[in-house]
Amino acid sequence: MFDEADPVLGRVRALALAFPDAAQKVSHGRPAFFTTKVFAYYGGSVRVEGGYRQHERSVLVLVDPGERAALLEQDRCYVPAYLGGYGWIGVDLADDTDWGEVNELLDASYRRTAGARRVAVLDSRASGR
C-alpha cells in the first residue's frame, strides 16, 4: 500500500522519527509512527459510495478538537476512514506542503499520545536543557 522509496514518506519519516523514542512499524499496510501508541500514519482513505478513495500521500494525526475543526475547513484535510471517529484527521501532502506545519501537527499528535515522560524529554530538547 506504499512505496518505501517515496520521497514524501521519507520527509514524514525523518520528522516523525526525530521525536523521543519514536519508531516505525507497518500497521494495516501503512507506515505508522509510535512510542507506546501510534501518533501518526502515512496514508489514509475515506469511504465513498461503498468503497474507499485513497489518500496515499497524506499524514494522519490526532490533534485537539478545536484545531481539528479549523483544519477540516481546508480542502486538503479530511476525516479518515476508521480513525476519524476517534478524532484523527488526514492532511494531504503536495509539492507546496509547508513542512514546518507538518512538524507542528506531528508534535501535537505526539504530545497527545506519548505520555508525560516523553513530552518532558521533548520539552527539554526544545529549551536546550
N, C-alpha and C. Protein backbone atom coordinates (compact mmCIF):
# COMPACT_ATOMS: atom_id res chain seq x y z
N MET A 1 0.80 -1.20 0.00
CA MET A 1 0.00 0.00 0.00
C MET A 1 0.85 1.27 0.00
N PHE A 2 2.17 1.14 0.03
CA PHE A 2 3.03 2.31 -0.01
C PHE A 2 4.35 1.94 -0.67
N ASP A 3 5.03 2.96 -1.17
CA ASP A 3 6.32 2.79 -1.82
C ASP A 3 7.40 3.22 -0.84
N GLU A 4 8.24 2.31 -0.45
CA GLU A 4 9.30 2.60 0.53
C GLU A 4 10.22 3.73 0.05
N ALA A 5 10.36 3.89 -1.26
CA ALA A 5 11.24 4.92 -1.82
C ALA A 5 10.54 6.27 -2.03
N ASP A 6 9.28 6.38 -1.65
CA ASP A 6 8.52 7.63 -1.81
C ASP A 6 9.22 8.75 -1.05
N PRO A 7 9.64 9.82 -1.75
CA PRO A 7 10.35 10.91 -1.08
C PRO A 7 9.48 11.67 -0.06
N VAL A 8 8.17 11.69 -0.27
CA VAL A 8 7.29 12.34 0.69
C VAL A 8 7.25 11.52 1.98
N LEU A 9 7.16 10.21 1.85
CA LEU A 9 7.25 9.35 3.03
C LEU A 9 8.58 9.57 3.73
N GLY A 10 9.66 9.72 2.97
CA GLY A 10 10.97 9.96 3.57
C GLY A 10 10.99 11.22 4.42
N ARG A 11 10.34 12.27 3.95
CA ARG A 11 10.29 13.52 4.73
C ARG A 11 9.46 13.34 5.99
N VAL A 12 8.30 12.68 5.87
CA VAL A 12 7.46 12.42 7.04
C VAL A 12 8.23 11.56 8.03
N ARG A 13 8.88 10.53 7.54
CA ARG A 13 9.65 9.62 8.40
C ARG A 13 10.73 10.38 9.17
N ALA A 14 11.48 11.24 8.48
CA ALA A 14 12.55 12.00 9.14
C ALA A 14 11.99 12.87 10.26
N LEU A 15 10.87 13.52 10.01
CA LEU A 15 10.26 14.36 11.05
C LEU A 15 9.76 13.51 12.21
N ALA A 16 9.02 12.46 11.90
CA ALA A 16 8.40 11.64 12.95
C ALA A 16 9.42 10.93 13.83
N LEU A 17 10.47 10.41 13.21
CA LEU A 17 11.45 9.65 13.99
C LEU A 17 12.38 10.53 14.81
N ALA A 18 12.28 11.85 14.64
CA ALA A 18 13.07 12.77 15.45
C ALA A 18 12.49 12.97 16.85
N PHE A 19 11.27 12.52 17.08
CA PHE A 19 10.66 12.64 18.41
C PHE A 19 11.24 11.58 19.35
N PRO A 20 11.33 11.90 20.65
CA PRO A 20 11.92 10.95 21.61
C PRO A 20 11.24 9.57 21.57
N ASP A 21 12.06 8.54 21.46
CA ASP A 21 11.62 7.14 21.49
C ASP A 21 10.69 6.75 20.34
N ALA A 22 10.61 7.57 19.31
CA ALA A 22 9.72 7.25 18.19
C ALA A 22 10.31 6.12 17.35
N ALA A 23 9.43 5.30 16.82
CA ALA A 23 9.82 4.19 15.95
C ALA A 23 8.76 4.06 14.86
N GLN A 24 9.07 3.23 13.88
CA GLN A 24 8.14 3.00 12.78
C GLN A 24 7.81 1.52 12.70
N LYS A 25 6.57 1.24 12.34
CA LYS A 25 6.13 -0.12 12.04
C LYS A 25 5.12 -0.01 10.91
N VAL A 26 4.77 -1.12 10.32
CA VAL A 26 3.71 -1.15 9.33
C VAL A 26 2.46 -1.67 10.03
N SER A 27 1.40 -0.90 9.95
CA SER A 27 0.13 -1.26 10.57
C SER A 27 -0.97 -1.10 9.54
N HIS A 28 -1.73 -2.15 9.31
CA HIS A 28 -2.80 -2.14 8.31
C HIS A 28 -2.27 -1.72 6.94
N GLY A 29 -1.06 -2.13 6.62
CA GLY A 29 -0.47 -1.88 5.32
C GLY A 29 0.10 -0.49 5.12
N ARG A 30 0.19 0.30 6.20
CA ARG A 30 0.69 1.66 6.09
C ARG A 30 1.76 1.92 7.15
N PRO A 31 2.72 2.80 6.84
CA PRO A 31 3.71 3.18 7.85
C PRO A 31 3.02 3.88 9.02
N ALA A 32 3.35 3.46 10.22
CA ALA A 32 2.82 4.06 11.44
C ALA A 32 3.99 4.45 12.32
N PHE A 33 3.90 5.60 12.94
CA PHE A 33 4.95 6.11 13.81
C PHE A 33 4.40 6.14 15.22
N PHE A 34 5.18 5.61 16.18
CA PHE A 34 4.65 5.37 17.51
C PHE A 34 5.72 5.45 18.58
N THR A 35 5.26 5.57 19.83
CA THR A 35 6.07 5.28 21.01
C THR A 35 5.38 4.05 21.61
N THR A 36 4.56 4.23 22.63
CA THR A 36 3.72 3.10 23.06
C THR A 36 2.40 3.11 22.29
N LYS A 37 2.00 4.30 21.83
CA LYS A 37 0.80 4.44 21.00
C LYS A 37 1.20 5.10 19.69
N VAL A 38 0.44 4.84 18.65
CA VAL A 38 0.68 5.47 17.35
C VAL A 38 0.34 6.96 17.43
N PHE A 39 1.24 7.80 16.89
CA PHE A 39 0.95 9.23 16.83
C PHE A 39 0.81 9.73 15.40
N ALA A 40 1.13 8.91 14.40
CA ALA A 40 0.94 9.33 13.01
C ALA A 40 0.95 8.11 12.09
N TYR A 41 0.20 8.23 11.02
CA TYR A 41 0.20 7.24 9.94
C TYR A 41 0.52 7.97 8.65
N TYR A 42 1.16 7.27 7.73
CA TYR A 42 1.37 7.83 6.39
C TYR A 42 0.38 7.17 5.46
N GLY A 43 -0.51 7.97 4.91
CA GLY A 43 -1.53 7.46 4.01
C GLY A 43 -2.82 7.15 4.73
N GLY A 44 -3.92 7.36 4.02
CA GLY A 44 -5.23 7.09 4.58
C GLY A 44 -6.25 6.93 3.48
N SER A 45 -7.49 6.83 3.88
CA SER A 45 -8.57 6.69 2.91
C SER A 45 -9.86 7.25 3.50
N VAL A 46 -10.80 7.50 2.62
CA VAL A 46 -12.15 7.90 3.04
C VAL A 46 -13.13 6.95 2.36
N ARG A 47 -14.22 6.70 3.05
CA ARG A 47 -15.25 5.83 2.50
C ARG A 47 -16.11 6.64 1.53
N VAL A 48 -16.27 6.12 0.31
CA VAL A 48 -17.04 6.80 -0.73
C VAL A 48 -17.92 5.77 -1.43
N GLU A 49 -19.23 5.93 -1.32
CA GLU A 49 -20.19 5.09 -2.03
C GLU A 49 -19.86 3.59 -1.98
N GLY A 50 -19.68 3.08 -0.79
CA GLY A 50 -19.44 1.66 -0.60
C GLY A 50 -18.01 1.21 -0.86
N GLY A 51 -17.14 2.12 -1.25
CA GLY A 51 -15.73 1.79 -1.47
C GLY A 51 -14.85 2.79 -0.73
N TYR A 52 -13.61 2.84 -1.11
CA TYR A 52 -12.66 3.74 -0.45
C TYR A 52 -11.89 4.54 -1.49
N ARG A 53 -11.68 5.82 -1.20
CA ARG A 53 -10.81 6.66 -2.01
C ARG A 53 -9.52 6.85 -1.23
N GLN A 54 -8.42 6.48 -1.83
CA GLN A 54 -7.12 6.53 -1.16
C GLN A 54 -6.54 7.95 -1.16
N HIS A 55 -5.90 8.27 -0.08
CA HIS A 55 -5.10 9.49 0.07
C HIS A 55 -3.69 9.00 0.39
N GLU A 56 -3.02 8.50 -0.63
CA GLU A 56 -1.74 7.83 -0.42
C GLU A 56 -0.66 8.75 0.14
N ARG A 57 -0.64 9.99 -0.32
CA ARG A 57 0.36 10.94 0.18
C ARG A 57 -0.31 11.89 1.16
N SER A 58 -0.52 11.39 2.35
CA SER A 58 -1.11 12.20 3.41
C SER A 58 -0.55 11.72 4.74
N VAL A 59 -0.77 12.52 5.75
CA VAL A 59 -0.38 12.13 7.09
C VAL A 59 -1.62 12.20 7.97
N LEU A 60 -1.81 11.18 8.80
CA LEU A 60 -2.92 11.14 9.74
C LEU A 60 -2.38 11.45 11.11
N VAL A 61 -3.02 12.40 11.80
CA VAL A 61 -2.58 12.82 13.12
C VAL A 61 -3.78 13.00 14.04
N LEU A 62 -3.51 13.01 15.32
CA LEU A 62 -4.53 13.22 16.35
C LEU A 62 -4.27 14.59 16.97
N VAL A 63 -5.14 15.54 16.68
CA VAL A 63 -4.97 16.90 17.21
C VAL A 63 -6.14 17.24 18.12
N ASP A 64 -6.01 18.37 18.84
CA ASP A 64 -7.10 18.73 19.74
C ASP A 64 -8.33 19.13 18.92
N PRO A 65 -9.53 18.98 19.51
CA PRO A 65 -10.77 19.20 18.77
C PRO A 65 -10.89 20.58 18.11
N GLY A 66 -10.43 21.63 18.75
CA GLY A 66 -10.51 22.96 18.15
C GLY A 66 -9.66 23.09 16.90
N GLU A 67 -8.45 22.55 16.98
CA GLU A 67 -7.56 22.59 15.82
C GLU A 67 -8.12 21.69 14.71
N ARG A 68 -8.68 20.59 15.08
CA ARG A 68 -9.26 19.66 14.09
C ARG A 68 -10.36 20.35 13.29
N ALA A 69 -11.25 21.05 13.99
CA ALA A 69 -12.35 21.74 13.31
C ALA A 69 -11.82 22.78 12.32
N ALA A 70 -10.81 23.53 12.72
CA ALA A 70 -10.22 24.55 11.84
C ALA A 70 -9.57 23.90 10.62
N LEU A 71 -8.86 22.80 10.83
CA LEU A 71 -8.21 22.12 9.72
C LEU A 71 -9.22 21.55 8.73
N LEU A 72 -10.32 21.03 9.24
CA LEU A 72 -11.31 20.41 8.36
C LEU A 72 -12.01 21.41 7.45
N GLU A 73 -11.84 22.69 7.71
CA GLU A 73 -12.39 23.71 6.82
C GLU A 73 -11.55 23.85 5.54
N GLN A 74 -10.38 23.22 5.53
CA GLN A 74 -9.47 23.31 4.38
C GLN A 74 -9.65 22.09 3.48
N ASP A 75 -9.59 22.31 2.17
CA ASP A 75 -9.79 21.23 1.19
C ASP A 75 -8.76 20.12 1.31
N ARG A 76 -7.56 20.42 1.78
CA ARG A 76 -6.50 19.43 1.85
C ARG A 76 -6.65 18.49 3.04
N CYS A 77 -7.62 18.75 3.90
CA CYS A 77 -7.82 17.93 5.09
C CYS A 77 -9.08 17.09 4.97
N TYR A 78 -9.08 15.94 5.61
CA TYR A 78 -10.22 15.03 5.51
C TYR A 78 -10.34 14.20 6.78
N VAL A 79 -11.51 13.62 6.96
CA VAL A 79 -11.77 12.71 8.07
C VAL A 79 -11.48 11.30 7.56
N PRO A 80 -10.44 10.66 8.06
CA PRO A 80 -10.08 9.34 7.54
C PRO A 80 -11.04 8.24 8.00
N ALA A 81 -11.18 7.24 7.14
CA ALA A 81 -11.98 6.07 7.49
C ALA A 81 -11.42 5.45 8.77
N TYR A 82 -12.28 4.90 9.57
CA TYR A 82 -11.97 4.20 10.81
C TYR A 82 -11.47 5.13 11.91
N LEU A 83 -10.35 5.82 11.71
CA LEU A 83 -9.76 6.64 12.77
C LEU A 83 -10.45 7.98 12.95
N GLY A 84 -11.14 8.46 11.94
CA GLY A 84 -11.79 9.76 12.02
C GLY A 84 -12.78 9.87 13.16
N GLY A 85 -13.45 8.79 13.47
CA GLY A 85 -14.40 8.78 14.58
C GLY A 85 -13.75 8.92 15.95
N TYR A 86 -12.44 8.75 15.99
CA TYR A 86 -11.69 8.87 17.25
C TYR A 86 -10.92 10.19 17.32
N GLY A 87 -11.20 11.12 16.40
CA GLY A 87 -10.58 12.43 16.44
C GLY A 87 -9.41 12.63 15.51
N TRP A 88 -9.01 11.61 14.76
CA TRP A 88 -7.89 11.73 13.84
C TRP A 88 -8.31 12.54 12.62
N ILE A 89 -7.32 13.15 11.98
CA ILE A 89 -7.54 13.93 10.76
C ILE A 89 -6.46 13.56 9.76
N GLY A 90 -6.81 13.60 8.49
CA GLY A 90 -5.84 13.39 7.42
C GLY A 90 -5.52 14.71 6.75
N VAL A 91 -4.24 14.89 6.42
CA VAL A 91 -3.79 16.09 5.73
C VAL A 91 -3.04 15.65 4.48
N ASP A 92 -3.56 16.01 3.31
CA ASP A 92 -2.89 15.67 2.06
C ASP A 92 -1.59 16.45 1.94
N LEU A 93 -0.58 15.78 1.41
CA LEU A 93 0.75 16.38 1.22
C LEU A 93 0.99 16.56 -0.27
N ALA A 94 1.54 17.71 -0.64
CA ALA A 94 1.76 18.03 -2.05
C ALA A 94 3.11 18.72 -2.22
N ASP A 95 3.40 19.11 -3.44
CA ASP A 95 4.67 19.78 -3.72
C ASP A 95 4.84 21.06 -2.92
N ASP A 96 3.75 21.76 -2.62
CA ASP A 96 3.84 23.02 -1.89
C ASP A 96 3.56 22.86 -0.39
N THR A 97 3.70 21.65 0.12
CA THR A 97 3.46 21.39 1.53
C THR A 97 4.37 22.24 2.42
N ASP A 98 3.79 22.79 3.47
CA ASP A 98 4.54 23.52 4.49
C ASP A 98 5.03 22.49 5.50
N TRP A 99 6.28 22.09 5.39
CA TRP A 99 6.81 21.02 6.25
C TRP A 99 6.95 21.45 7.70
N GLY A 100 7.06 22.76 7.93
CA GLY A 100 7.03 23.25 9.31
C GLY A 100 5.69 22.98 9.95
N GLU A 101 4.61 23.17 9.18
CA GLU A 101 3.28 22.87 9.68
C GLU A 101 3.11 21.37 9.93
N VAL A 102 3.62 20.55 9.02
CA VAL A 102 3.54 19.10 9.21
C VAL A 102 4.25 18.72 10.52
N ASN A 103 5.40 19.31 10.77
CA ASN A 103 6.12 19.02 12.01
C ASN A 103 5.30 19.45 13.22
N GLU A 104 4.62 20.59 13.13
CA GLU A 104 3.77 21.05 14.24
C GLU A 104 2.61 20.08 14.48
N LEU A 105 2.02 19.57 13.40
CA LEU A 105 0.93 18.61 13.54
C LEU A 105 1.43 17.30 14.17
N LEU A 106 2.59 16.86 13.74
CA LEU A 106 3.19 15.66 14.34
C LEU A 106 3.47 15.89 15.81
N ASP A 107 3.98 17.08 16.14
CA ASP A 107 4.28 17.43 17.52
C ASP A 107 3.00 17.38 18.37
N ALA A 108 1.93 17.97 17.87
CA ALA A 108 0.66 17.97 18.60
C ALA A 108 0.15 16.56 18.83
N SER A 109 0.25 15.72 17.80
CA SER A 109 -0.22 14.34 17.92
C SER A 109 0.67 13.54 18.87
N TYR A 110 1.98 13.75 18.76
CA TYR A 110 2.91 13.09 19.67
C TYR A 110 2.57 13.43 21.13
N ARG A 111 2.34 14.71 21.39
CA ARG A 111 2.05 15.15 22.76
C ARG A 111 0.76 14.53 23.30
N ARG A 112 -0.18 14.22 22.42
CA ARG A 112 -1.45 13.61 22.86
C ARG A 112 -1.31 12.12 23.14
N THR A 113 -0.24 11.49 22.66
CA THR A 113 -0.15 10.03 22.74
C THR A 113 1.08 9.51 23.47
N ALA A 114 2.12 10.30 23.61
CA ALA A 114 3.42 9.78 24.05
C ALA A 114 3.59 9.63 25.55
N GLY A 115 2.80 10.29 26.34
CA GLY A 115 2.95 10.22 27.79
C GLY A 115 3.81 11.35 28.33
N ALA A 116 3.64 11.64 29.61
CA ALA A 116 4.27 12.80 30.26
C ALA A 116 5.80 12.74 30.22
N ARG A 117 6.40 11.57 30.45
CA ARG A 117 7.86 11.48 30.48
C ARG A 117 8.46 11.84 29.13
N ARG A 118 7.92 11.30 28.06
CA ARG A 118 8.45 11.60 26.73
C ARG A 118 8.21 13.06 26.34
N VAL A 119 7.06 13.60 26.71
CA VAL A 119 6.79 15.01 26.42
C VAL A 119 7.78 15.89 27.19
N ALA A 120 8.12 15.51 28.40
CA ALA A 120 9.11 16.28 29.18
C ALA A 120 10.47 16.23 28.48
N VAL A 121 10.85 15.09 27.92
CA VAL A 121 12.10 14.98 27.18
C VAL A 121 12.04 15.88 25.95
N LEU A 122 10.94 15.87 25.25
CA LEU A 122 10.76 16.74 24.09
C LEU A 122 10.90 18.20 24.48
N ASP A 123 10.25 18.59 25.57
CA ASP A 123 10.31 19.98 26.02
C ASP A 123 11.72 20.37 26.45
N SER A 124 12.43 19.44 27.07
CA SER A 124 13.81 19.76 27.48
C SER A 124 14.72 19.93 26.27
N ARG A 125 14.47 19.19 25.20
CA ARG A 125 15.24 19.37 23.96
C ARG A 125 15.00 20.76 23.39
N ALA A 126 13.72 21.18 23.41
CA ALA A 126 13.35 22.47 22.82
C ALA A 126 13.95 23.63 23.60
N SER A 127 14.07 23.46 24.92
CA SER A 127 14.60 24.55 25.74
C SER A 127 16.12 24.50 25.83
N GLY A 128 16.73 23.45 25.28
CA GLY A 128 18.20 23.33 25.28
C GLY A 128 18.78 22.84 26.58
N ARG A 129 17.94 22.29 27.45
CA ARG A 129 18.46 21.79 28.73
C ARG A 129 18.97 20.39 28.60
